PDB file of N, CA and C in Angstrom:
ATOM      1  N   UNK A   1     -20.509   1.341  -6.621  1.00  0.00           N
ATOM      2  CA  UNK A   1     -21.014   2.203  -5.587  1.00  0.00           C
ATOM      3  C   UNK A   1     -22.269   2.930  -6.077  1.00  0.00           C
ATOM      4  N   UNK A   2     -22.227   3.392  -7.315  1.00  0.00           N
ATOM      5  CA  UNK A   2     -23.389   4.109  -7.845  1.00  0.00           C
ATOM      6  C   UNK A   2     -24.605   3.193  -7.928  1.00  0.00           C
ATOM      7  N   UNK A   3     -24.413   1.963  -8.375  1.00  0.00           N
ATOM      8  CA  UNK A   3     -25.521   1.011  -8.470  1.00  0.00           C
ATOM      9  C   UNK A   3     -26.070   0.689  -7.077  1.00  0.00           C
ATOM     10  N   UNK A   4     -25.174   0.497  -6.115  1.00  0.00           N
ATOM     11  CA  UNK A   4     -25.618   0.197  -4.756  1.00  0.00           C
ATOM     12  C   UNK A   4     -26.437   1.355  -4.194  1.00  0.00           C
ATOM     13  N   UNK A   5     -25.972   2.574  -4.380  1.00  0.00           N
ATOM     14  CA  UNK A   5     -26.714   3.742  -3.899  1.00  0.00           C
ATOM     15  C   UNK A   5     -28.072   3.831  -4.592  1.00  0.00           C
ATOM     16  N   UNK A   6     -28.083   3.590  -5.883  1.00  0.00           N
ATOM     17  CA  UNK A   6     -29.334   3.623  -6.654  1.00  0.00           C
ATOM     18  C   UNK A   6     -30.342   2.611  -6.104  1.00  0.00           C
ATOM     19  N   UNK A   7     -29.825   1.469  -5.650  1.00  0.00           N
ATOM     20  CA  UNK A   7     -30.700   0.408  -5.139  1.00  0.00           C
ATOM     21  C   UNK A   7     -30.972   0.531  -3.639  1.00  0.00           C
ATOM     22  N   UNK A   8     -30.473   1.618  -3.011  1.00  0.00           N
ATOM     23  CA  UNK A   8     -30.785   1.856  -1.607  1.00  0.00           C
ATOM     24  C   UNK A   8     -29.805   1.278  -0.609  1.00  0.00           C
ATOM     25  N   UNK A   9     -28.551   1.128  -1.012  1.00  0.00           N
ATOM     26  CA  UNK A   9     -27.524   0.588  -0.132  1.00  0.00           C
ATOM     27  C   UNK A   9     -26.415   1.613   0.090  1.00  0.00           C
ATOM     28  N   UNK A  10     -25.681   1.451   1.190  1.00  0.00           N
ATOM     29  CA  UNK A  10     -24.516   2.280   1.504  1.00  0.00           C
ATOM     30  C   UNK A  10     -23.318   1.374   1.750  1.00  0.00           C
ATOM     31  N   UNK A  11     -22.147   1.857   1.355  1.00  0.00           N
ATOM     32  CA  UNK A  11     -20.904   1.125   1.582  1.00  0.00           C
ATOM     33  C   UNK A  11     -20.615   1.074   3.075  1.00  0.00           C
ATOM     34  N   UNK A  12     -20.379  -0.141   3.594  1.00  0.00           N
ATOM     35  CA  UNK A  12     -20.139  -0.320   5.024  1.00  0.00           C
ATOM     36  C   UNK A  12     -18.720  -0.785   5.337  1.00  0.00           C
ATOM     37  N   UNK A  13     -18.079  -1.511   4.425  1.00  0.00           N
ATOM     38  CA  UNK A  13     -16.730  -2.024   4.678  1.00  0.00           C
ATOM     39  C   UNK A  13     -16.111  -2.488   3.375  1.00  0.00           C
ATOM     40  N   UNK A  14     -14.788  -2.592   3.371  1.00  0.00           N
ATOM     41  CA  UNK A  14     -14.074  -3.129   2.218  1.00  0.00           C
ATOM     42  C   UNK A  14     -12.989  -4.088   2.696  1.00  0.00           C
ATOM     43  N   UNK A  15     -12.621  -4.995   1.816  1.00  0.00           N
ATOM     44  CA  UNK A  15     -11.440  -5.834   2.001  1.00  0.00           C
ATOM     45  C   UNK A  15     -10.597  -5.642   0.757  1.00  0.00           C
ATOM     46  N   UNK A  16      -9.536  -6.401   0.612  1.00  0.00           N
ATOM     47  CA  UNK A  16      -8.701  -6.245  -0.579  1.00  0.00           C
ATOM     48  C   UNK A  16      -9.426  -6.673  -1.847  1.00  0.00           C
ATOM     49  N   UNK A  17     -10.502  -7.426  -1.739  1.00  0.00           N
ATOM     50  CA  UNK A  17     -11.183  -7.911  -2.933  1.00  0.00           C
ATOM     51  C   UNK A  17     -12.699  -7.705  -2.929  1.00  0.00           C
ATOM     52  N   UNK A  18     -13.256  -7.191  -1.844  1.00  0.00           N
ATOM     53  CA  UNK A  18     -14.715  -7.096  -1.747  1.00  0.00           C
ATOM     54  C   UNK A  18     -15.151  -5.772  -1.141  1.00  0.00           C
ATOM     55  N   UNK A  19     -16.402  -5.444  -1.423  1.00  0.00           N
ATOM     56  CA  UNK A  19     -17.048  -4.299  -0.783  1.00  0.00           C
ATOM     57  C   UNK A  19     -18.343  -4.826  -0.168  1.00  0.00           C
ATOM     58  N   UNK A  20     -18.662  -4.339   1.016  1.00  0.00           N
ATOM     59  CA  UNK A  20     -19.870  -4.784   1.716  1.00  0.00           C
ATOM     60  C   UNK A  20     -20.806  -3.601   1.889  1.00  0.00           C
ATOM     61  N   UNK A  21     -22.059  -3.843   1.574  1.00  0.00           N
ATOM     62  CA  UNK A  21     -23.070  -2.803   1.617  1.00  0.00           C
ATOM     63  C   UNK A  21     -24.186  -3.203   2.573  1.00  0.00           C
ATOM     64  N   UNK A  22     -24.823  -2.195   3.160  1.00  0.00           N
ATOM     65  CA  UNK A  22     -25.998  -2.419   4.014  1.00  0.00           C
ATOM     66  C   UNK A  22     -27.116  -1.518   3.503  1.00  0.00           C
ATOM     67  N   UNK A  23     -28.340  -1.865   3.881  1.00  0.00           N
ATOM     68  CA  UNK A  23     -29.468  -1.023   3.505  1.00  0.00           C
ATOM     69  C   UNK A  23     -29.273   0.382   4.070  1.00  0.00           C
ATOM     70  N   UNK A  24     -29.635   1.369   3.278  1.00  0.00           N
ATOM     71  CA  UNK A  24     -29.433   2.762   3.664  1.00  0.00           C
ATOM     72  C   UNK A  24     -30.033   3.081   5.030  1.00  0.00           C
ATOM     73  N   UNK A  25     -31.205   2.532   5.328  1.00  0.00           N
ATOM     74  CA  UNK A  25     -31.847   2.836   6.619  1.00  0.00           C
ATOM     75  C   UNK A  25     -31.123   2.188   7.803  1.00  0.00           C
ATOM     76  N   UNK A  26     -30.321   1.161   7.560  1.00  0.00           N
ATOM     77  CA  UNK A  26     -29.546   0.506   8.623  1.00  0.00           C
ATOM     78  C   UNK A  26     -28.162   1.135   8.797  1.00  0.00           C
ATOM     79  N   UNK A  27     -27.704   1.873   7.818  1.00  0.00           N
ATOM     80  CA  UNK A  27     -26.348   2.426   7.817  1.00  0.00           C
ATOM     81  C   UNK A  27     -26.032   3.293   9.042  1.00  0.00           C
ATOM     82  N   UNK A  28     -26.925   4.172   9.509  1.00  0.00           N
ATOM     83  CA  UNK A  28     -26.588   5.009  10.683  1.00  0.00           C
ATOM     84  C   UNK A  28     -26.198   4.199  11.927  1.00  0.00           C
ATOM     85  N   UNK A  29     -26.663   2.974  12.053  1.00  0.00           N
ATOM     86  CA  UNK A  29     -26.316   2.129  13.200  1.00  0.00           C
ATOM     87  C   UNK A  29     -24.812   1.822  13.252  1.00  0.00           C
ATOM     88  N   UNK A  30     -24.138   1.956  12.120  1.00  0.00           N
ATOM     89  CA  UNK A  30     -22.707   1.624  12.062  1.00  0.00           C
ATOM     90  C   UNK A  30     -21.815   2.778  12.517  1.00  0.00           C
ATOM     91  N   UNK A  31     -22.365   3.965  12.632  1.00  0.00           N
ATOM     92  CA  UNK A  31     -21.609   5.154  13.066  1.00  0.00           C
ATOM     93  C   UNK A  31     -20.358   5.400  12.235  1.00  0.00           C
ATOM     94  N   UNK A  32     -20.478   5.234  10.938  1.00  0.00           N
ATOM     95  CA  UNK A  32     -19.368   5.510  10.024  1.00  0.00           C
ATOM     96  C   UNK A  32     -19.535   6.946   9.534  1.00  0.00           C
ATOM     97  N   UNK A  33     -18.549   7.795   9.828  1.00  0.00           N
ATOM     98  CA  UNK A  33     -18.683   9.208   9.475  1.00  0.00           C
ATOM     99  C   UNK A  33     -18.434   9.473   7.990  1.00  0.00           C
ATOM    100  N   UNK A  34     -17.546   8.716   7.367  1.00  0.00           N
ATOM    101  CA  UNK A  34     -17.224   8.919   5.955  1.00  0.00           C
ATOM    102  C   UNK A  34     -17.101   7.555   5.284  1.00  0.00           C
ATOM    103  N   UNK A  35     -18.043   7.224   4.432  1.00  0.00           N
ATOM    104  CA  UNK A  35     -17.977   5.931   3.742  1.00  0.00           C
ATOM    105  C   UNK A  35     -17.669   6.096   2.261  1.00  0.00           C
ATOM    106  N   UNK A  36     -16.989   7.193   1.913  1.00  0.00           N
ATOM    107  CA  UNK A  36     -16.541   7.339   0.528  1.00  0.00           C
ATOM    108  C   UNK A  36     -15.502   6.254   0.249  1.00  0.00           C
ATOM    109  N   UNK A  37     -15.338   5.914  -0.999  1.00  0.00           N
ATOM    110  CA  UNK A  37     -14.390   4.855  -1.350  1.00  0.00           C
ATOM    111  C   UNK A  37     -12.970   5.246  -0.935  1.00  0.00           C
ATOM    112  N   UNK A  38     -12.646   6.529  -1.015  1.00  0.00           N
ATOM    113  CA  UNK A  38     -11.307   6.973  -0.612  1.00  0.00           C
ATOM    114  C   UNK A  38     -11.077   6.790   0.884  1.00  0.00           C
ATOM    115  N   UNK A  39     -12.109   7.006   1.681  1.00  0.00           N
ATOM    116  CA  UNK A  39     -11.979   6.848   3.133  1.00  0.00           C
ATOM    117  C   UNK A  39     -11.976   5.377   3.543  1.00  0.00           C
ATOM    118  N   UNK A  40     -12.701   4.542   2.823  1.00  0.00           N
ATOM    119  CA  UNK A  40     -12.842   3.131   3.206  1.00  0.00           C
ATOM    120  C   UNK A  40     -11.704   2.249   2.691  1.00  0.00           C
ATOM    121  N   UNK A  41     -11.072   2.654   1.595  1.00  0.00           N
ATOM    122  CA  UNK A  41     -10.046   1.821   0.966  1.00  0.00           C
ATOM    123  C   UNK A  41      -8.767   1.807   1.788  1.00  0.00           C
ATOM    124  N   UNK A  42      -8.206   0.640   1.981  1.00  0.00           N
ATOM    125  CA  UNK A  42      -6.895   0.479   2.612  1.00  0.00           C
ATOM    126  C   UNK A  42      -5.996  -0.280   1.655  1.00  0.00           C
ATOM    127  N   UNK A  43      -4.761   0.147   1.563  1.00  0.00           N
ATOM    128  CA  UNK A  43      -3.811  -0.563   0.714  1.00  0.00           C
ATOM    129  C   UNK A  43      -3.320  -1.793   1.466  1.00  0.00           C
ATOM    130  N   UNK A  44      -3.865  -2.921   1.126  1.00  0.00           N
ATOM    131  CA  UNK A  44      -3.568  -4.145   1.862  1.00  0.00           C
ATOM    132  C   UNK A  44      -2.247  -4.776   1.460  1.00  0.00           C
ATOM    133  N   UNK A  45      -1.951  -4.741   0.184  1.00  0.00           N
ATOM    134  CA  UNK A  45      -0.784  -5.486  -0.273  1.00  0.00           C
ATOM    135  C   UNK A  45       0.181  -4.612  -1.068  1.00  0.00           C
ATOM    136  N   UNK A  46       0.254  -3.342  -0.759  1.00  0.00           N
ATOM    137  CA  UNK A  46       1.125  -2.442  -1.492  1.00  0.00           C
ATOM    138  C   UNK A  46       2.455  -2.304  -0.767  1.00  0.00           C
ATOM    139  N   UNK A  47       3.516  -2.573  -1.505  1.00  0.00           N
ATOM    140  CA  UNK A  47       4.865  -2.351  -1.005  1.00  0.00           C
ATOM    141  C   UNK A  47       5.537  -1.379  -1.952  1.00  0.00           C
ATOM    142  N   UNK A  48       6.048  -0.303  -1.417  1.00  0.00           N
ATOM    143  CA  UNK A  48       6.740   0.686  -2.244  1.00  0.00           C
ATOM    144  C   UNK A  48       8.238   0.467  -2.114  1.00  0.00           C
ATOM    145  N   UNK A  49       8.925   0.548  -3.254  1.00  0.00           N
ATOM    146  CA  UNK A  49      10.363   0.322  -3.290  1.00  0.00           C
ATOM    147  C   UNK A  49      11.015   1.534  -3.949  1.00  0.00           C
ATOM    148  N   UNK A  50      12.087   2.034  -3.332  1.00  0.00           N
ATOM    149  CA  UNK A  50      12.830   3.126  -3.952  1.00  0.00           C
ATOM    150  C   UNK A  50      14.326   2.862  -3.774  1.00  0.00           C
ATOM    151  N   UNK A  51      15.100   3.607  -4.521  1.00  0.00           N
ATOM    152  CA  UNK A  51      16.542   3.398  -4.564  1.00  0.00           C
ATOM    153  C   UNK A  51      17.263   4.609  -3.996  1.00  0.00           C
ATOM    154  N   UNK A  52      18.212   4.369  -3.110  1.00  0.00           N
ATOM    155  CA  UNK A  52      19.045   5.439  -2.581  1.00  0.00           C
ATOM    156  C   UNK A  52      20.179   5.745  -3.546  1.00  0.00           C
ATOM    157  N   UNK A  53      20.818   6.897  -3.366  1.00  0.00           N
ATOM    158  CA  UNK A  53      21.905   7.305  -4.258  1.00  0.00           C
ATOM    159  C   UNK A  53      23.077   6.336  -4.236  1.00  0.00           C
ATOM    160  N   UNK A  54      23.252   5.636  -3.128  1.00  0.00           N
ATOM    161  CA  UNK A  54      24.387   4.702  -3.026  1.00  0.00           C
ATOM    162  C   UNK A  54      24.040   3.294  -3.512  1.00  0.00           C
ATOM    163  N   UNK A  55      22.823   3.089  -4.006  1.00  0.00           N
ATOM    164  CA  UNK A  55      22.421   1.774  -4.489  1.00  0.00           C
ATOM    165  C   UNK A  55      21.636   0.964  -3.480  1.00  0.00           C
ATOM    166  N   UNK A  56      21.425   1.512  -2.283  1.00  0.00           N
ATOM    167  CA  UNK A  56      20.612   0.828  -1.279  1.00  0.00           C
ATOM    168  C   UNK A  56      19.157   0.842  -1.720  1.00  0.00           C
ATOM    169  N   UNK A  57      18.481  -0.266  -1.564  1.00  0.00           N
ATOM    170  CA  UNK A  57      17.059  -0.366  -1.882  1.00  0.00           C
ATOM    171  C   UNK A  57      16.270  -0.223  -0.588  1.00  0.00           C
ATOM    172  N   UNK A  58      15.266   0.640  -0.607  1.00  0.00           N
ATOM    173  CA  UNK A  58      14.407   0.866   0.554  1.00  0.00           C
ATOM    174  C   UNK A  58      13.002   0.380   0.230  1.00  0.00           C
ATOM    175  N   UNK A  59      12.392  -0.320   1.145  1.00  0.00           N
ATOM    176  CA  UNK A  59      11.025  -0.816   0.973  1.00  0.00           C
ATOM    177  C   UNK A  59      10.171  -0.325   2.132  1.00  0.00           C
ATOM    178  N   UNK A  60       8.914  -0.041   1.821  1.00  0.00           N
ATOM    179  CA  UNK A  60       7.977   0.408   2.857  1.00  0.00           C
ATOM    180  C   UNK A  60       6.589  -0.079   2.482  1.00  0.00           C
ATOM    181  N   UNK A  61       5.756  -0.211   3.464  1.00  0.00           N
ATOM    182  CA  UNK A  61       4.381  -0.637   3.220  1.00  0.00           C
ATOM    183  C   UNK A  61       4.139  -2.034   3.738  1.00  0.00           C
ATOM    184  N   UNK A  62       3.468  -2.830   2.936  1.00  0.00           N
ATOM    185  CA  UNK A  62       3.104  -4.189   3.329  1.00  0.00           C
ATOM    186  C   UNK A  62       4.324  -5.089   3.195  1.00  0.00           C
ATOM    187  N   UNK A  63       4.967  -5.379   4.294  1.00  0.00           N
ATOM    188  CA  UNK A  63       6.222  -6.119   4.289  1.00  0.00           C
ATOM    189  C   UNK A  63       5.971  -7.604   4.572  1.00  0.00           C
ATOM    190  N   UNK A  64       5.194  -8.223   3.690  1.00  0.00           N
ATOM    191  CA  UNK A  64       4.890  -9.640   3.860  1.00  0.00           C
ATOM    192  C   UNK A  64       4.554 -10.253   2.501  1.00  0.00           C
ATOM    193  N   UNK A  65       4.987 -11.489   2.295  1.00  0.00           N
ATOM    194  CA  UNK A  65       4.514 -12.259   1.142  1.00  0.00           C
ATOM    195  C   UNK A  65       3.121 -12.761   1.519  1.00  0.00           C
ATOM    196  N   UNK A  66       2.120 -12.183   0.887  1.00  0.00           N
ATOM    197  CA  UNK A  66       0.738 -12.381   1.312  1.00  0.00           C
ATOM    198  C   UNK A  66       0.317 -13.841   1.282  1.00  0.00           C
ATOM    199  N   UNK A  67       0.500 -14.503   0.177  1.00  0.00           N
ATOM    200  CA  UNK A  67      -0.051 -15.855   0.016  1.00  0.00           C
ATOM    201  C   UNK A  67       0.730 -16.884   0.810  1.00  0.00           C
ATOM    202  N   UNK A  68       1.991 -16.598   1.125  1.00  0.00           N
ATOM    203  CA  UNK A  68       2.796 -17.522   1.916  1.00  0.00           C
ATOM    204  C   UNK A  68       2.858 -17.116   3.385  1.00  0.00           C
ATOM    205  N   UNK A  69       2.336 -15.944   3.723  1.00  0.00           N
ATOM    206  CA  UNK A  69       2.354 -15.406   5.093  1.00  0.00           C
ATOM    207  C   UNK A  69       3.765 -15.353   5.668  1.00  0.00           C
ATOM    208  N   UNK A  70       4.721 -14.951   4.819  1.00  0.00           N
ATOM    209  CA  UNK A  70       6.110 -14.828   5.258  1.00  0.00           C
ATOM    210  C   UNK A  70       6.475 -13.357   5.355  1.00  0.00           C
ATOM    211  N   UNK A  71       7.074 -12.951   6.471  1.00  0.00           N
ATOM    212  CA  UNK A  71       7.477 -11.547   6.600  1.00  0.00           C
ATOM    213  C   UNK A  71       8.667 -11.228   5.700  1.00  0.00           C
ATOM    214  N   UNK A  72       8.719  -9.982   5.248  1.00  0.00           N
ATOM    215  CA  UNK A  72       9.843  -9.490   4.464  1.00  0.00           C
ATOM    216  C   UNK A  72      10.636  -8.512   5.325  1.00  0.00           C
ATOM    217  N   UNK A  73      11.951  -8.533   5.159  1.00  0.00           N
ATOM    218  CA  UNK A  73      12.819  -7.600   5.859  1.00  0.00           C
ATOM    219  C   UNK A  73      13.457  -6.670   4.830  1.00  0.00           C
ATOM    220  N   UNK A  74      13.898  -5.527   5.291  1.00  0.00           N
ATOM    221  CA  UNK A  74      14.557  -4.567   4.402  1.00  0.00           C
ATOM    222  C   UNK A  74      15.683  -5.241   3.603  1.00  0.00           C
ATOM    223  N   UNK A  75      16.426  -6.105   4.245  1.00  0.00           N
ATOM    224  CA  UNK A  75      17.564  -6.772   3.597  1.00  0.00           C
ATOM    225  C   UNK A  75      17.138  -7.673   2.439  1.00  0.00           C
ATOM    226  N   UNK A  76      15.893  -8.147   2.445  1.00  0.00           N
ATOM    227  CA  UNK A  76      15.414  -9.027   1.385  1.00  0.00           C
ATOM    228  C   UNK A  76      15.373  -8.327   0.029  1.00  0.00           C
ATOM    229  N   UNK A  77      15.379  -7.003   0.023  1.00  0.00           N
ATOM    230  CA  UNK A  77      15.256  -6.246  -1.217  1.00  0.00           C
ATOM    231  C   UNK A  77      16.596  -5.816  -1.795  1.00  0.00           C
ATOM    232  N   UNK A  78      17.669  -6.000  -1.047  1.00  0.00           N
ATOM    233  CA  UNK A  78      18.966  -5.526  -1.507  1.00  0.00           C
ATOM    234  C   UNK A  78      19.473  -6.336  -2.691  1.00  0.00           C
ATOM    235  N   UNK A  79      19.919  -5.628  -3.705  1.00  0.00           N
ATOM    236  CA  UNK A  79      20.468  -6.252  -4.902  1.00  0.00           C
ATOM    237  C   UNK A  79      21.989  -6.281  -4.808  1.00  0.00           C
ATOM    238  N   UNK A  80      22.552  -5.179  -4.384  1.00  0.00           N
ATOM    239  CA  UNK A  80      24.008  -5.077  -4.264  1.00  0.00           C
ATOM    240  C   UNK A  80      24.470  -5.460  -2.869  1.00  0.00           C
ATOM    241  N   UNK A  81      25.569  -6.213  -2.762  1.00  0.00           N
ATOM    242  CA  UNK A  81      26.138  -6.443  -1.440  1.00  0.00           C
ATOM    243  C   UNK A  81      26.594  -5.098  -0.850  1.00  0.00           C
ATOM    244  N   UNK A  82      26.630  -5.012   0.456  1.00  0.00           N
ATOM    245  CA  UNK A  82      26.975  -3.757   1.132  1.00  0.00           C
ATOM    246  C   UNK A  82      28.317  -3.205   0.642  1.00  0.00           C
ATOM    247  N   UNK A  83      29.271  -4.079   0.349  1.00  0.00           N
ATOM    248  CA  UNK A  83      30.599  -3.644  -0.092  1.00  0.00           C
ATOM    249  C   UNK A  83      30.564  -2.910  -1.435  1.00  0.00           C
ATOM    250  N   UNK A  84      29.560  -3.185  -2.253  1.00  0.00           N
ATOM    251  CA  UNK A  84      29.469  -2.533  -3.568  1.00  0.00           C
ATOM    252  C   UNK A  84      28.595  -1.288  -3.561  1.00  0.00           C
ATOM    253  N   UNK A  85      27.930  -1.033  -2.447  1.00  0.00           N
ATOM    254  CA  UNK A  85      27.100   0.169  -2.370  1.00  0.00           C
ATOM    255  C   UNK A  85      27.965   1.366  -2.049  1.00  0.00           C
ATOM    256  N   UNK A  86      27.751   2.427  -2.734  1.00  0.00           N
ATOM    257  CA  UNK A  86      28.501   3.652  -2.498  1.00  0.00           C
ATOM    258  C   UNK A  86      28.128   4.675  -3.555  1.00  0.00           C
ATOM    259  N   UNK A  87      28.684   5.842  -3.415  1.00  0.00           N
ATOM    260  CA  UNK A  87      28.394   6.907  -4.363  1.00  0.00           C
ATOM    261  C   UNK A  87      29.354   6.833  -5.516  1.00  0.00           C
ATOM    262  N   UNK A  88      28.862   7.087  -6.719  1.00  0.00           N
ATOM    263  CA  UNK A  88      29.712   7.042  -7.906  1.00  0.00           C
ATOM    264  C   UNK A  88      30.751   8.160  -7.845  1.00  0.00           C
ATOM    265  N   UNK A  89      31.953   7.869  -8.309  1.00  0.00           N
ATOM    266  CA  UNK A  89      32.993   8.868  -8.375  1.00  0.00           C
ATOM    267  C   UNK A  89      32.674   9.827  -9.528  1.00  0.00           C
ATOM    268  N   UNK A  90      32.523  11.106  -9.235  1.00  0.00           N
ATOM    269  CA  UNK A  90      32.144  12.027 -10.299  1.00  0.00           C
ATOM    270  C   UNK A  90      33.298  12.323 -11.258  1.00  0.00           C
ATOM    271  N   UNK A  91      34.497  11.885 -10.914  1.00  0.00           N
ATOM    272  CA  UNK A  91      35.655  12.152 -11.780  1.00  0.00           C
ATOM    273  C   UNK A  91      36.220  13.531 -11.506  1.00  0.00           C
ATOM    274  N   UNK A  92      37.272  13.883 -12.255  1.00  0.00           N
ATOM    275  CA  UNK A  92      37.885  15.188 -12.026  1.00  0.00           C
ATOM    276  C   UNK A  92      36.954  16.308 -12.479  1.00  0.00           C
ATOM    277  N   UNK A  93      37.050  17.461 -11.817  1.00  0.00           N
ATOM    278  CA  UNK A  93      36.198  18.586 -12.217  1.00  0.00           C
ATOM    279  C   UNK A  93      36.579  19.079 -13.599  1.00  0.00           C
ATOM    280  N   UNK A  94      35.567  19.534 -14.345  1.00  0.00           N
ATOM    281  CA  UNK A  94      35.813  20.107 -15.669  1.00  0.00           C
ATOM    282  C   UNK A  94      36.347  21.535 -15.499  1.00  0.00           C
ATOM    283  N   UNK A  95      37.406  21.842 -16.201  1.00  0.00           N
ATOM    284  CA  UNK A  95      37.954  23.220 -16.150  1.00  0.00           C
ATOM    285  C   UNK A  95      37.895  23.860 -17.497  1.00  0.00           C
TER     286      UNK A  95
END
């Protein structure tokens, strides 16, 4: 980004692997209010996975196998069968 700005270009768009720049004098034609990298970047292939207290796995984000174009479902992430999911027995209270 710094090199592009130095050479007279502005960031116009991004993809998961590329950044596209236009000449600074042409940039206003695009009506982009914020072209900072933070504003332009989109998480294309990020899937977040977390674990519930009962052993259930939760997934959120990009729910697709990108290169195979296959959708993912919440159930695809489960490790434990439903019958084995539950809360651990804390045992008898300490006295």
